[in-house]
Amino acid sequence: MLDQDRLHVLVLPGWQDSGPAHWQSRWALLHADEARFTRVEQDDWQQPLRGDWMMRLDETLLAQVPEQGAPVVLVAHSLGCHLVAAWAAHSGLTGRVRAALLVAPPDLDGPDAMTSMPPQLHGWRRVVRQALPFPALMLASSNDPYGSLARSAGLAADWGADFGDLGPAGHVNADAGFGDWPAGWARWQAWLGTQDITAAAD
């Protein structure tokens, strides 16, 4: 039986999903003794519809997460970060989430985004900038091809998230060498230790 005090991590990949070598996938294997991991599986990873992705997160919370029990946190990468913000602004289930990790959010509404952004993501261009109702930590790269460090820092400020600069880390994915990413896990766990995630969110 699941230890009710053990962390429950909902993994939110970005556009086109996170492959087996990606840190989101690796963490679920490497840290299974420390937390329970549930991947939020989208019906369409290639044509991401924001409303559909938000609904799937709601469905996963209802199916996987009891109202009482283990603290629930979100671990998002890339477009998954924008999913967290959009979902949190509309869902009635945000009280079940205690914290979020947001890694490498792409710039979807910057001055160059409309020409550089793949057409599949245009439906996400109206970025939700409402403050999140739970604590969050954003980690971003100084040479991410999908968004500048300054734009990421601006998002973090709007969302009320703590912000960390990873230095030149690309898009913080498997292609950039972030597989097991032990330093990321340690940093995330240290930050969680500063938050009261045992108390239910408002």
N, C-alpha and C. Protein backbone atom coordinates (compact mmCIF):
# COMPACT_ATOMS: atom_id res chain seq x y z
N MET A 1 0.84 -1.20 0.00
CA MET A 1 0.00 0.00 0.00
C MET A 1 0.88 1.25 0.00
N LEU A 2 0.46 2.25 -0.72
CA LEU A 2 1.22 3.49 -0.81
C LEU A 2 1.29 4.19 0.53
N ASP A 3 2.50 4.59 0.89
CA ASP A 3 2.71 5.42 2.07
C ASP A 3 2.07 6.78 1.82
N GLN A 4 1.09 7.15 2.62
CA GLN A 4 0.33 8.36 2.39
C GLN A 4 1.15 9.63 2.57
N ASP A 5 2.32 9.51 3.19
CA ASP A 5 3.18 10.68 3.34
C ASP A 5 4.17 10.83 2.18
N ARG A 6 4.21 9.86 1.30
CA ARG A 6 5.16 9.91 0.19
C ARG A 6 4.65 10.86 -0.89
N LEU A 7 5.56 11.63 -1.44
CA LEU A 7 5.23 12.61 -2.46
C LEU A 7 4.59 11.95 -3.68
N HIS A 8 3.56 12.60 -4.23
CA HIS A 8 2.94 12.15 -5.47
C HIS A 8 3.24 13.18 -6.54
N VAL A 9 4.03 12.79 -7.53
CA VAL A 9 4.49 13.70 -8.58
C VAL A 9 3.68 13.46 -9.85
N LEU A 10 3.02 14.52 -10.34
CA LEU A 10 2.38 14.45 -11.65
C LEU A 10 3.33 15.06 -12.67
N VAL A 11 3.75 14.27 -13.64
CA VAL A 11 4.72 14.68 -14.64
C VAL A 11 3.99 15.27 -15.85
N LEU A 12 4.36 16.50 -16.22
CA LEU A 12 3.72 17.19 -17.33
C LEU A 12 4.75 17.48 -18.42
N PRO A 13 4.88 16.61 -19.42
CA PRO A 13 5.80 16.87 -20.52
C PRO A 13 5.29 18.01 -21.40
N GLY A 14 6.17 18.48 -22.27
CA GLY A 14 5.79 19.53 -23.20
C GLY A 14 5.38 18.97 -24.55
N TRP A 15 5.40 19.83 -25.55
CA TRP A 15 5.02 19.46 -26.90
C TRP A 15 5.87 18.27 -27.37
N GLN A 16 5.24 17.30 -27.96
CA GLN A 16 5.86 16.08 -28.50
C GLN A 16 6.33 15.11 -27.42
N ASP A 17 5.95 15.36 -26.16
CA ASP A 17 6.22 14.43 -25.08
C ASP A 17 7.72 14.43 -24.71
N SER A 18 8.03 13.79 -23.63
CA SER A 18 9.41 13.62 -23.17
C SER A 18 9.79 12.16 -23.35
N GLY A 19 10.85 11.92 -24.11
CA GLY A 19 11.26 10.55 -24.41
C GLY A 19 11.90 9.84 -23.23
N PRO A 20 12.29 8.58 -23.40
CA PRO A 20 12.82 7.78 -22.30
C PRO A 20 14.13 8.30 -21.72
N ALA A 21 14.89 9.09 -22.51
CA ALA A 21 16.17 9.61 -22.02
C ALA A 21 16.01 10.97 -21.34
N HIS A 22 14.84 11.55 -21.39
CA HIS A 22 14.57 12.86 -20.79
C HIS A 22 14.55 12.75 -19.28
N TRP A 23 14.96 13.82 -18.60
CA TRP A 23 15.02 13.77 -17.13
C TRP A 23 13.66 13.49 -16.50
N GLN A 24 12.56 13.93 -17.12
CA GLN A 24 11.25 13.63 -16.54
C GLN A 24 11.00 12.13 -16.50
N SER A 25 11.39 11.44 -17.57
CA SER A 25 11.23 9.99 -17.62
C SER A 25 12.22 9.29 -16.69
N ARG A 26 13.45 9.77 -16.66
CA ARG A 26 14.48 9.16 -15.84
C ARG A 26 14.15 9.32 -14.35
N TRP A 27 13.67 10.48 -13.96
CA TRP A 27 13.33 10.68 -12.54
C TRP A 27 12.30 9.66 -12.07
N ALA A 28 11.33 9.38 -12.90
CA ALA A 28 10.29 8.43 -12.51
C ALA A 28 10.85 7.05 -12.23
N LEU A 29 11.96 6.70 -12.88
CA LEU A 29 12.62 5.42 -12.65
C LEU A 29 13.60 5.48 -11.49
N LEU A 30 14.38 6.55 -11.44
CA LEU A 30 15.46 6.66 -10.46
C LEU A 30 14.95 6.95 -9.05
N HIS A 31 13.81 7.62 -8.94
CA HIS A 31 13.35 8.09 -7.63
C HIS A 31 12.01 7.48 -7.23
N ALA A 32 11.73 6.30 -7.76
CA ALA A 32 10.46 5.65 -7.47
C ALA A 32 10.33 5.26 -6.00
N ASP A 33 11.47 5.16 -5.30
CA ASP A 33 11.42 4.82 -3.88
C ASP A 33 11.18 6.06 -3.01
N GLU A 34 11.30 7.23 -3.62
CA GLU A 34 11.12 8.48 -2.88
C GLU A 34 9.76 9.14 -3.15
N ALA A 35 9.17 8.82 -4.28
CA ALA A 35 7.92 9.46 -4.66
C ALA A 35 7.14 8.56 -5.60
N ARG A 36 5.87 8.77 -5.65
CA ARG A 36 5.03 8.09 -6.64
C ARG A 36 4.89 9.02 -7.85
N PHE A 37 5.14 8.50 -9.04
CA PHE A 37 5.09 9.31 -10.26
C PHE A 37 3.91 8.89 -11.13
N THR A 38 3.16 9.86 -11.61
CA THR A 38 2.10 9.61 -12.57
C THR A 38 2.30 10.56 -13.74
N ARG A 39 2.47 10.02 -14.92
CA ARG A 39 2.64 10.83 -16.12
C ARG A 39 1.26 11.23 -16.64
N VAL A 40 1.06 12.50 -16.90
CA VAL A 40 -0.20 12.96 -17.48
C VAL A 40 -0.11 12.74 -18.99
N GLU A 41 -0.79 11.72 -19.46
CA GLU A 41 -0.70 11.33 -20.86
C GLU A 41 -1.74 12.07 -21.70
N GLN A 42 -1.26 12.85 -22.65
CA GLN A 42 -2.16 13.58 -23.53
C GLN A 42 -2.55 12.72 -24.74
N ASP A 43 -3.76 12.94 -25.24
CA ASP A 43 -4.22 12.18 -26.40
C ASP A 43 -3.44 12.52 -27.66
N ASP A 44 -3.02 13.78 -27.78
CA ASP A 44 -2.33 14.21 -28.98
C ASP A 44 -1.13 15.07 -28.58
N TRP A 45 0.07 14.49 -28.70
CA TRP A 45 1.29 15.20 -28.35
C TRP A 45 1.77 16.11 -29.49
N GLN A 46 1.29 15.86 -30.70
CA GLN A 46 1.76 16.60 -31.86
C GLN A 46 0.94 17.87 -32.12
N GLN A 47 -0.37 17.80 -31.87
CA GLN A 47 -1.27 18.94 -32.06
C GLN A 47 -1.88 19.30 -30.71
N PRO A 48 -1.13 20.00 -29.88
CA PRO A 48 -1.59 20.25 -28.50
C PRO A 48 -2.68 21.32 -28.42
N LEU A 49 -3.86 20.90 -28.04
CA LEU A 49 -4.95 21.85 -27.82
C LEU A 49 -5.00 22.17 -26.33
N ARG A 50 -4.90 23.45 -26.01
CA ARG A 50 -4.74 23.83 -24.61
C ARG A 50 -5.92 23.34 -23.75
N GLY A 51 -7.13 23.52 -24.26
CA GLY A 51 -8.29 23.08 -23.48
C GLY A 51 -8.29 21.58 -23.22
N ASP A 52 -7.89 20.81 -24.24
CA ASP A 52 -7.83 19.35 -24.07
C ASP A 52 -6.76 18.97 -23.05
N TRP A 53 -5.62 19.64 -23.12
CA TRP A 53 -4.54 19.33 -22.17
C TRP A 53 -4.96 19.68 -20.75
N MET A 54 -5.65 20.80 -20.58
CA MET A 54 -6.12 21.18 -19.26
C MET A 54 -7.11 20.16 -18.72
N MET A 55 -8.02 19.71 -19.57
CA MET A 55 -9.01 18.72 -19.15
C MET A 55 -8.35 17.41 -18.74
N ARG A 56 -7.29 17.01 -19.47
CA ARG A 56 -6.61 15.77 -19.12
C ARG A 56 -5.93 15.88 -17.75
N LEU A 57 -5.40 17.04 -17.43
CA LEU A 57 -4.80 17.22 -16.10
C LEU A 57 -5.87 17.11 -15.02
N ASP A 58 -7.02 17.70 -15.25
CA ASP A 58 -8.14 17.56 -14.31
C ASP A 58 -8.52 16.09 -14.15
N GLU A 59 -8.65 15.39 -15.27
CA GLU A 59 -9.04 13.98 -15.24
C GLU A 59 -8.03 13.14 -14.48
N THR A 60 -6.76 13.43 -14.67
CA THR A 60 -5.71 12.67 -13.99
C THR A 60 -5.75 12.92 -12.49
N LEU A 61 -5.97 14.16 -12.10
CA LEU A 61 -6.08 14.47 -10.68
C LEU A 61 -7.26 13.74 -10.05
N LEU A 62 -8.39 13.74 -10.73
CA LEU A 62 -9.58 13.08 -10.19
C LEU A 62 -9.40 11.57 -10.11
N ALA A 63 -8.69 11.00 -11.08
CA ALA A 63 -8.53 9.54 -11.12
C ALA A 63 -7.43 9.05 -10.20
N GLN A 64 -6.35 9.84 -10.05
CA GLN A 64 -5.16 9.36 -9.38
C GLN A 64 -4.96 9.92 -7.98
N VAL A 65 -5.57 11.06 -7.69
CA VAL A 65 -5.25 11.77 -6.46
C VAL A 65 -6.46 11.86 -5.54
N PRO A 66 -6.42 11.21 -4.39
CA PRO A 66 -7.51 11.36 -3.42
C PRO A 66 -7.48 12.74 -2.79
N GLU A 67 -8.60 13.17 -2.25
CA GLU A 67 -8.66 14.48 -1.62
C GLU A 67 -7.74 14.56 -0.41
N GLN A 68 -7.55 13.46 0.26
CA GLN A 68 -6.63 13.41 1.40
C GLN A 68 -5.54 12.41 1.08
N GLY A 69 -4.33 12.66 1.57
CA GLY A 69 -3.26 11.69 1.36
C GLY A 69 -1.95 12.36 1.05
N ALA A 70 -1.19 11.76 0.16
CA ALA A 70 0.16 12.23 -0.13
C ALA A 70 0.14 13.63 -0.74
N PRO A 71 1.14 14.45 -0.40
CA PRO A 71 1.25 15.76 -1.04
C PRO A 71 1.46 15.59 -2.55
N VAL A 72 0.74 16.38 -3.34
CA VAL A 72 0.81 16.29 -4.79
C VAL A 72 1.56 17.50 -5.34
N VAL A 73 2.53 17.24 -6.21
CA VAL A 73 3.29 18.32 -6.85
C VAL A 73 3.30 18.07 -8.36
N LEU A 74 3.44 19.16 -9.10
CA LEU A 74 3.53 19.09 -10.56
C LEU A 74 4.97 19.30 -10.98
N VAL A 75 5.44 18.50 -11.94
CA VAL A 75 6.78 18.66 -12.49
C VAL A 75 6.63 18.84 -14.00
N ALA A 76 6.81 20.08 -14.46
CA ALA A 76 6.51 20.43 -15.85
C ALA A 76 7.76 20.84 -16.60
N HIS A 77 7.77 20.52 -17.89
CA HIS A 77 8.86 20.96 -18.78
C HIS A 77 8.25 21.64 -20.01
N SER A 78 8.89 22.72 -20.44
CA SER A 78 8.56 23.39 -21.70
C SER A 78 7.09 23.79 -21.75
N LEU A 79 6.33 23.32 -22.75
CA LEU A 79 4.93 23.70 -22.86
C LEU A 79 4.13 23.26 -21.64
N GLY A 80 4.61 22.25 -20.94
CA GLY A 80 3.93 21.82 -19.71
C GLY A 80 3.87 22.92 -18.67
N CYS A 81 4.84 23.85 -18.69
CA CYS A 81 4.81 24.99 -17.76
C CYS A 81 3.60 25.88 -18.04
N HIS A 82 3.36 26.13 -19.33
CA HIS A 82 2.21 26.95 -19.71
C HIS A 82 0.90 26.21 -19.42
N LEU A 83 0.93 24.89 -19.50
CA LEU A 83 -0.24 24.11 -19.11
C LEU A 83 -0.57 24.35 -17.64
N VAL A 84 0.45 24.35 -16.79
CA VAL A 84 0.22 24.58 -15.36
C VAL A 84 -0.47 25.92 -15.14
N ALA A 85 0.02 26.97 -15.80
CA ALA A 85 -0.53 28.31 -15.61
C ALA A 85 -1.97 28.39 -16.11
N ALA A 86 -2.22 27.86 -17.31
CA ALA A 86 -3.56 27.91 -17.88
C ALA A 86 -4.54 27.09 -17.05
N TRP A 87 -4.12 25.91 -16.65
CA TRP A 87 -4.98 25.03 -15.84
C TRP A 87 -5.28 25.67 -14.48
N ALA A 88 -4.26 26.23 -13.84
CA ALA A 88 -4.45 26.79 -12.51
C ALA A 88 -5.40 27.99 -12.52
N ALA A 89 -5.49 28.69 -13.64
CA ALA A 89 -6.36 29.86 -13.73
C ALA A 89 -7.83 29.48 -13.90
N HIS A 90 -8.11 28.21 -14.23
CA HIS A 90 -9.48 27.83 -14.54
C HIS A 90 -10.01 26.63 -13.77
N SER A 91 -9.14 25.79 -13.27
CA SER A 91 -9.59 24.54 -12.64
C SER A 91 -10.09 24.76 -11.22
N GLY A 92 -11.01 23.93 -10.83
CA GLY A 92 -11.49 23.92 -9.45
C GLY A 92 -10.73 22.93 -8.59
N LEU A 93 -9.69 22.33 -9.13
CA LEU A 93 -8.95 21.29 -8.41
C LEU A 93 -7.57 21.75 -7.95
N THR A 94 -7.29 23.04 -8.03
CA THR A 94 -5.95 23.51 -7.69
C THR A 94 -5.61 23.28 -6.22
N GLY A 95 -6.62 23.16 -5.37
CA GLY A 95 -6.37 22.92 -3.96
C GLY A 95 -5.74 21.57 -3.67
N ARG A 96 -5.73 20.68 -4.66
CA ARG A 96 -5.10 19.37 -4.49
C ARG A 96 -3.60 19.40 -4.76
N VAL A 97 -3.11 20.51 -5.31
CA VAL A 97 -1.70 20.63 -5.67
C VAL A 97 -0.99 21.51 -4.65
N ARG A 98 0.17 21.06 -4.16
CA ARG A 98 0.90 21.79 -3.12
C ARG A 98 2.06 22.61 -3.67
N ALA A 99 2.60 22.23 -4.85
CA ALA A 99 3.77 22.94 -5.38
C ALA A 99 4.00 22.50 -6.82
N ALA A 100 4.85 23.27 -7.52
CA ALA A 100 5.16 22.93 -8.91
C ALA A 100 6.62 23.26 -9.23
N LEU A 101 7.22 22.43 -10.07
CA LEU A 101 8.52 22.69 -10.67
C LEU A 101 8.28 23.00 -12.14
N LEU A 102 8.78 24.15 -12.60
CA LEU A 102 8.55 24.61 -13.97
C LEU A 102 9.92 24.78 -14.63
N VAL A 103 10.21 23.98 -15.64
CA VAL A 103 11.54 23.98 -16.24
C VAL A 103 11.46 24.38 -17.72
N ALA A 104 12.22 25.39 -18.09
CA ALA A 104 12.41 25.82 -19.49
C ALA A 104 11.11 26.16 -20.21
N PRO A 105 10.34 27.12 -19.68
CA PRO A 105 9.11 27.51 -20.40
C PRO A 105 9.47 28.24 -21.70
N PRO A 106 8.86 27.88 -22.82
CA PRO A 106 9.14 28.60 -24.05
C PRO A 106 8.45 29.96 -24.05
N ASP A 107 9.02 30.87 -24.83
CA ASP A 107 8.44 32.21 -24.97
C ASP A 107 7.38 32.13 -26.08
N LEU A 108 6.11 32.21 -25.70
CA LEU A 108 5.03 32.04 -26.66
C LEU A 108 4.41 33.35 -27.13
N ASP A 109 4.72 34.45 -26.45
CA ASP A 109 4.07 35.70 -26.83
C ASP A 109 5.05 36.87 -26.95
N GLY A 110 6.33 36.56 -27.10
CA GLY A 110 7.33 37.60 -27.29
C GLY A 110 7.26 38.20 -28.69
N PRO A 111 8.05 39.23 -28.95
CA PRO A 111 7.99 39.92 -30.24
C PRO A 111 8.32 39.05 -31.44
N ASP A 112 9.13 38.01 -31.25
CA ASP A 112 9.50 37.14 -32.36
C ASP A 112 8.77 35.81 -32.36
N ALA A 113 7.89 35.62 -31.39
CA ALA A 113 7.29 34.30 -31.20
C ALA A 113 6.39 33.90 -32.37
N MET A 114 5.65 34.82 -32.92
CA MET A 114 4.68 34.46 -33.96
C MET A 114 5.37 33.90 -35.19
N THR A 115 6.58 34.41 -35.50
CA THR A 115 7.29 33.92 -36.68
C THR A 115 8.15 32.70 -36.38
N SER A 116 8.62 32.59 -35.13
CA SER A 116 9.51 31.49 -34.79
C SER A 116 8.76 30.28 -34.20
N MET A 117 7.57 30.50 -33.70
CA MET A 117 6.83 29.44 -33.05
C MET A 117 6.21 28.48 -34.07
N PRO A 118 6.30 27.17 -33.85
CA PRO A 118 5.61 26.22 -34.74
C PRO A 118 4.11 26.51 -34.76
N PRO A 119 3.47 26.36 -35.91
CA PRO A 119 2.03 26.67 -35.99
C PRO A 119 1.17 25.85 -35.04
N GLN A 120 1.66 24.67 -34.66
CA GLN A 120 0.88 23.83 -33.73
C GLN A 120 0.70 24.49 -32.37
N LEU A 121 1.54 25.50 -32.06
CA LEU A 121 1.49 26.12 -30.74
C LEU A 121 0.80 27.48 -30.74
N HIS A 122 0.30 27.90 -31.88
CA HIS A 122 -0.31 29.23 -31.95
C HIS A 122 -1.51 29.37 -31.03
N GLY A 123 -2.21 28.28 -30.75
CA GLY A 123 -3.36 28.34 -29.85
C GLY A 123 -2.98 28.63 -28.41
N TRP A 124 -1.69 28.56 -28.10
CA TRP A 124 -1.20 28.84 -26.76
C TRP A 124 -0.63 30.24 -26.63
N ARG A 125 -0.69 31.02 -27.72
CA ARG A 125 0.00 32.30 -27.75
C ARG A 125 -0.55 33.29 -26.72
N ARG A 126 -1.82 33.21 -26.42
CA ARG A 126 -2.39 34.09 -25.40
C ARG A 126 -2.01 33.52 -24.03
N VAL A 127 -0.83 33.89 -23.59
CA VAL A 127 -0.24 33.28 -22.39
C VAL A 127 -0.98 33.73 -21.14
N VAL A 128 -1.29 32.78 -20.28
CA VAL A 128 -1.91 33.08 -18.99
C VAL A 128 -0.82 33.54 -18.03
N ARG A 129 -0.99 34.72 -17.45
CA ARG A 129 0.03 35.28 -16.56
C ARG A 129 -0.49 35.49 -15.13
N GLN A 130 -1.58 34.86 -14.81
CA GLN A 130 -2.14 34.95 -13.47
C GLN A 130 -1.24 34.23 -12.47
N ALA A 131 -1.12 34.81 -11.27
CA ALA A 131 -0.28 34.19 -10.24
C ALA A 131 -0.81 32.80 -9.89
N LEU A 132 0.10 31.88 -9.71
CA LEU A 132 -0.28 30.51 -9.35
C LEU A 132 -0.77 30.47 -7.91
N PRO A 133 -1.74 29.59 -7.61
CA PRO A 133 -2.28 29.51 -6.25
C PRO A 133 -1.48 28.60 -5.33
N PHE A 134 -0.31 28.14 -5.78
CA PHE A 134 0.55 27.28 -4.97
C PHE A 134 1.99 27.69 -5.24
N PRO A 135 2.92 27.37 -4.33
CA PRO A 135 4.33 27.73 -4.54
C PRO A 135 4.89 27.04 -5.78
N ALA A 136 5.82 27.71 -6.44
CA ALA A 136 6.44 27.13 -7.63
C ALA A 136 7.89 27.58 -7.72
N LEU A 137 8.70 26.71 -8.32
CA LEU A 137 10.09 27.01 -8.62
C LEU A 137 10.27 26.89 -10.13
N MET A 138 10.76 27.97 -10.76
CA MET A 138 11.08 27.91 -12.19
C MET A 138 12.59 27.86 -12.36
N LEU A 139 13.06 26.95 -13.21
CA LEU A 139 14.46 26.85 -13.58
C LEU A 139 14.56 27.05 -15.08
N ALA A 140 15.42 27.99 -15.50
CA ALA A 140 15.52 28.34 -16.91
C ALA A 140 16.98 28.44 -17.33
N SER A 141 17.20 28.36 -18.63
CA SER A 141 18.53 28.35 -19.21
C SER A 141 18.87 29.70 -19.85
N SER A 142 20.14 30.03 -19.82
CA SER A 142 20.56 31.31 -20.40
C SER A 142 20.74 31.25 -21.91
N ASN A 143 20.69 30.04 -22.49
CA ASN A 143 20.81 29.94 -23.95
C ASN A 143 19.74 29.02 -24.53
N ASP A 144 18.56 29.06 -23.95
CA ASP A 144 17.44 28.25 -24.44
C ASP A 144 17.03 28.79 -25.81
N PRO A 145 17.00 27.97 -26.84
CA PRO A 145 16.61 28.46 -28.17
C PRO A 145 15.15 28.87 -28.27
N TYR A 146 14.34 28.51 -27.27
CA TYR A 146 12.91 28.80 -27.33
C TYR A 146 12.49 29.94 -26.42
N GLY A 147 13.42 30.60 -25.79
CA GLY A 147 13.05 31.73 -24.95
C GLY A 147 14.25 32.25 -24.17
N SER A 148 14.33 33.57 -24.03
CA SER A 148 15.46 34.17 -23.33
C SER A 148 15.29 34.04 -21.83
N LEU A 149 16.40 34.19 -21.13
CA LEU A 149 16.37 34.13 -19.67
C LEU A 149 15.52 35.27 -19.11
N ALA A 150 15.61 36.44 -19.73
CA ALA A 150 14.82 37.59 -19.25
C ALA A 150 13.32 37.34 -19.40
N ARG A 151 12.92 36.75 -20.52
CA ARG A 151 11.49 36.45 -20.71
C ARG A 151 11.01 35.40 -19.71
N SER A 152 11.85 34.41 -19.44
CA SER A 152 11.50 33.39 -18.45
C SER A 152 11.37 34.00 -17.07
N ALA A 153 12.29 34.90 -16.73
CA ALA A 153 12.23 35.57 -15.43
C ALA A 153 10.96 36.40 -15.31
N GLY A 154 10.53 37.02 -16.40
CA GLY A 154 9.29 37.77 -16.39
C GLY A 154 8.08 36.88 -16.15
N LEU A 155 8.09 35.71 -16.77
CA LEU A 155 7.01 34.75 -16.53
C LEU A 155 6.99 34.32 -15.06
N ALA A 156 8.16 34.03 -14.52
CA ALA A 156 8.25 33.61 -13.12
C ALA A 156 7.67 34.68 -12.21
N ALA A 157 7.98 35.93 -12.49
CA ALA A 157 7.45 37.02 -11.67
C ALA A 157 5.94 37.09 -11.77
N ASP A 158 5.40 36.95 -12.98
CA ASP A 158 3.95 37.00 -13.16
C ASP A 158 3.27 35.83 -12.44
N TRP A 159 3.89 34.67 -12.50
CA TRP A 159 3.29 33.48 -11.90
C TRP A 159 3.57 33.39 -10.40
N GLY A 160 4.39 34.29 -9.87
CA GLY A 160 4.72 34.25 -8.46
C GLY A 160 5.65 33.11 -8.09
N ALA A 161 6.48 32.70 -9.06
CA ALA A 161 7.38 31.56 -8.85
C ALA A 161 8.77 32.03 -8.47
N ASP A 162 9.45 31.27 -7.61
CA ASP A 162 10.87 31.49 -7.37
C ASP A 162 11.61 31.16 -8.67
N PHE A 163 12.75 31.84 -8.89
CA PHE A 163 13.42 31.71 -10.18
C PHE A 163 14.87 31.31 -10.00
N GLY A 164 15.32 30.36 -10.83
CA GLY A 164 16.71 29.93 -10.80
C GLY A 164 17.31 29.90 -12.19
N ASP A 165 18.52 30.43 -12.33
CA ASP A 165 19.25 30.46 -13.60
C ASP A 165 20.17 29.24 -13.67
N LEU A 166 19.94 28.37 -14.65
CA LEU A 166 20.74 27.16 -14.81
C LEU A 166 22.01 27.39 -15.62
N GLY A 167 22.20 28.63 -16.10
CA GLY A 167 23.34 28.88 -16.97
C GLY A 167 23.04 28.35 -18.37
N PRO A 168 24.09 28.15 -19.20
CA PRO A 168 23.88 27.67 -20.57
C PRO A 168 23.49 26.20 -20.61
N ALA A 169 22.20 25.95 -20.58
CA ALA A 169 21.69 24.58 -20.48
C ALA A 169 20.74 24.21 -21.62
N GLY A 170 20.78 24.99 -22.71
CA GLY A 170 19.91 24.68 -23.84
C GLY A 170 18.45 24.68 -23.42
N HIS A 171 17.71 23.71 -23.92
CA HIS A 171 16.29 23.61 -23.56
C HIS A 171 16.07 22.65 -22.39
N VAL A 172 17.15 22.33 -21.70
CA VAL A 172 17.10 21.48 -20.49
C VAL A 172 16.36 20.18 -20.80
N ASN A 173 16.80 19.53 -21.85
CA ASN A 173 16.18 18.27 -22.26
C ASN A 173 17.28 17.24 -22.57
N ALA A 174 16.89 16.10 -23.08
CA ALA A 174 17.87 15.05 -23.34
C ALA A 174 18.88 15.48 -24.39
N ASP A 175 18.45 16.23 -25.39
CA ASP A 175 19.38 16.69 -26.43
C ASP A 175 20.45 17.61 -25.85
N ALA A 176 20.12 18.30 -24.76
CA ALA A 176 21.09 19.19 -24.11
C ALA A 176 21.89 18.47 -23.03
N GLY A 177 21.71 17.16 -22.92
CA GLY A 177 22.49 16.38 -21.96
C GLY A 177 21.85 16.21 -20.60
N PHE A 178 20.55 16.52 -20.50
CA PHE A 178 19.87 16.40 -19.21
C PHE A 178 19.06 15.11 -19.19
N GLY A 179 19.74 14.05 -18.78
CA GLY A 179 19.11 12.75 -18.65
C GLY A 179 18.71 12.52 -17.20
N ASP A 180 19.61 11.89 -16.43
CA ASP A 180 19.30 11.64 -15.02
C ASP A 180 19.17 12.94 -14.22
N TRP A 181 19.93 13.94 -14.58
CA TRP A 181 19.92 15.28 -13.98
C TRP A 181 19.84 15.23 -12.44
N PRO A 182 20.83 14.63 -11.79
CA PRO A 182 20.80 14.55 -10.32
C PRO A 182 20.84 15.91 -9.65
N ALA A 183 21.54 16.88 -10.26
CA ALA A 183 21.59 18.21 -9.66
C ALA A 183 20.23 18.87 -9.65
N GLY A 184 19.43 18.61 -10.70
CA GLY A 184 18.08 19.16 -10.74
C GLY A 184 17.18 18.57 -9.67
N TRP A 185 17.29 17.24 -9.51
CA TRP A 185 16.49 16.58 -8.47
C TRP A 185 16.88 17.11 -7.09
N ALA A 186 18.17 17.24 -6.83
CA ALA A 186 18.63 17.72 -5.53
C ALA A 186 18.16 19.15 -5.28
N ARG A 187 18.23 19.98 -6.30
CA ARG A 187 17.80 21.37 -6.15
C ARG A 187 16.30 21.45 -5.89
N TRP A 188 15.55 20.64 -6.59
CA TRP A 188 14.09 20.58 -6.42
C TRP A 188 13.73 20.11 -5.01
N GLN A 189 14.40 19.06 -4.54
CA GLN A 189 14.12 18.54 -3.21
C GLN A 189 14.51 19.54 -2.13
N ALA A 190 15.63 20.24 -2.32
CA ALA A 190 16.03 21.26 -1.35
C ALA A 190 15.01 22.38 -1.29
N TRP A 191 14.51 22.79 -2.45
CA TRP A 191 13.50 23.85 -2.48
C TRP A 191 12.21 23.38 -1.81
N LEU A 192 11.79 22.15 -2.12
CA LEU A 192 10.59 21.61 -1.48
C LEU A 192 10.71 21.61 0.03
N GLY A 193 11.94 21.40 0.51
CA GLY A 193 12.17 21.39 1.95
C GLY A 193 11.92 22.73 2.59
N THR A 194 11.90 23.79 1.79
CA THR A 194 11.62 25.12 2.34
C THR A 194 10.15 25.48 2.29
N GLN A 195 9.34 24.59 1.70
CA GLN A 195 7.92 24.86 1.54
C GLN A 195 7.10 23.96 2.47
N ASP A 196 5.97 24.44 2.92
CA ASP A 196 5.09 23.64 3.75
C ASP A 196 4.10 22.93 2.84
N ILE A 197 4.56 21.85 2.21
CA ILE A 197 3.68 21.16 1.26
C ILE A 197 2.77 20.15 1.94
N THR A 198 2.89 20.01 3.25
CA THR A 198 1.98 19.10 3.95
C THR A 198 0.64 19.77 4.23
N ALA A 199 0.61 21.10 4.14
CA ALA A 199 -0.64 21.82 4.37
C ALA A 199 -1.38 21.99 3.06
N ALA A 200 -2.68 21.74 3.08
CA ALA A 200 -3.49 21.86 1.87
C ALA A 200 -3.45 23.28 1.36
N ALA A 201 -3.45 23.42 0.02
CA ALA A 201 -3.49 24.75 -0.58
C ALA A 201 -4.86 25.37 -0.36
N ASP A 202 -4.89 26.70 -0.43
CA ASP A 202 -6.17 27.39 -0.27
C ASP A 202 -7.06 27.16 -1.46
